[in-house]
Amino acid sequence: AGLGEACRLAGEALKAPSNTIAGLRDRLEAGVRALYPAARINGAAAERLAGTSNISFPGYDGEAM
């Protein structure tokens, strides 16, 4: 029981920073959408890494940005 509990606690400790980063990612994406509603959050419905965001801005040249 001791090792199992230690593993459970370690797993929970690893989730906390990831959840914080995912929250920041979601906040960034919401801010982008508020400023430019046509922006596309690519892969938003998919399971992704917490610190990963891929955003397209239709109507803008990527190299010019």
Foldseek 3Di string as FASTA:
>chain_A
DVVVVVVVVVVVVVVVVQVVLLVVVVVVVVVVCVVQVVKDFPCPVPDDGSNDTDIDRPPDDPVVD
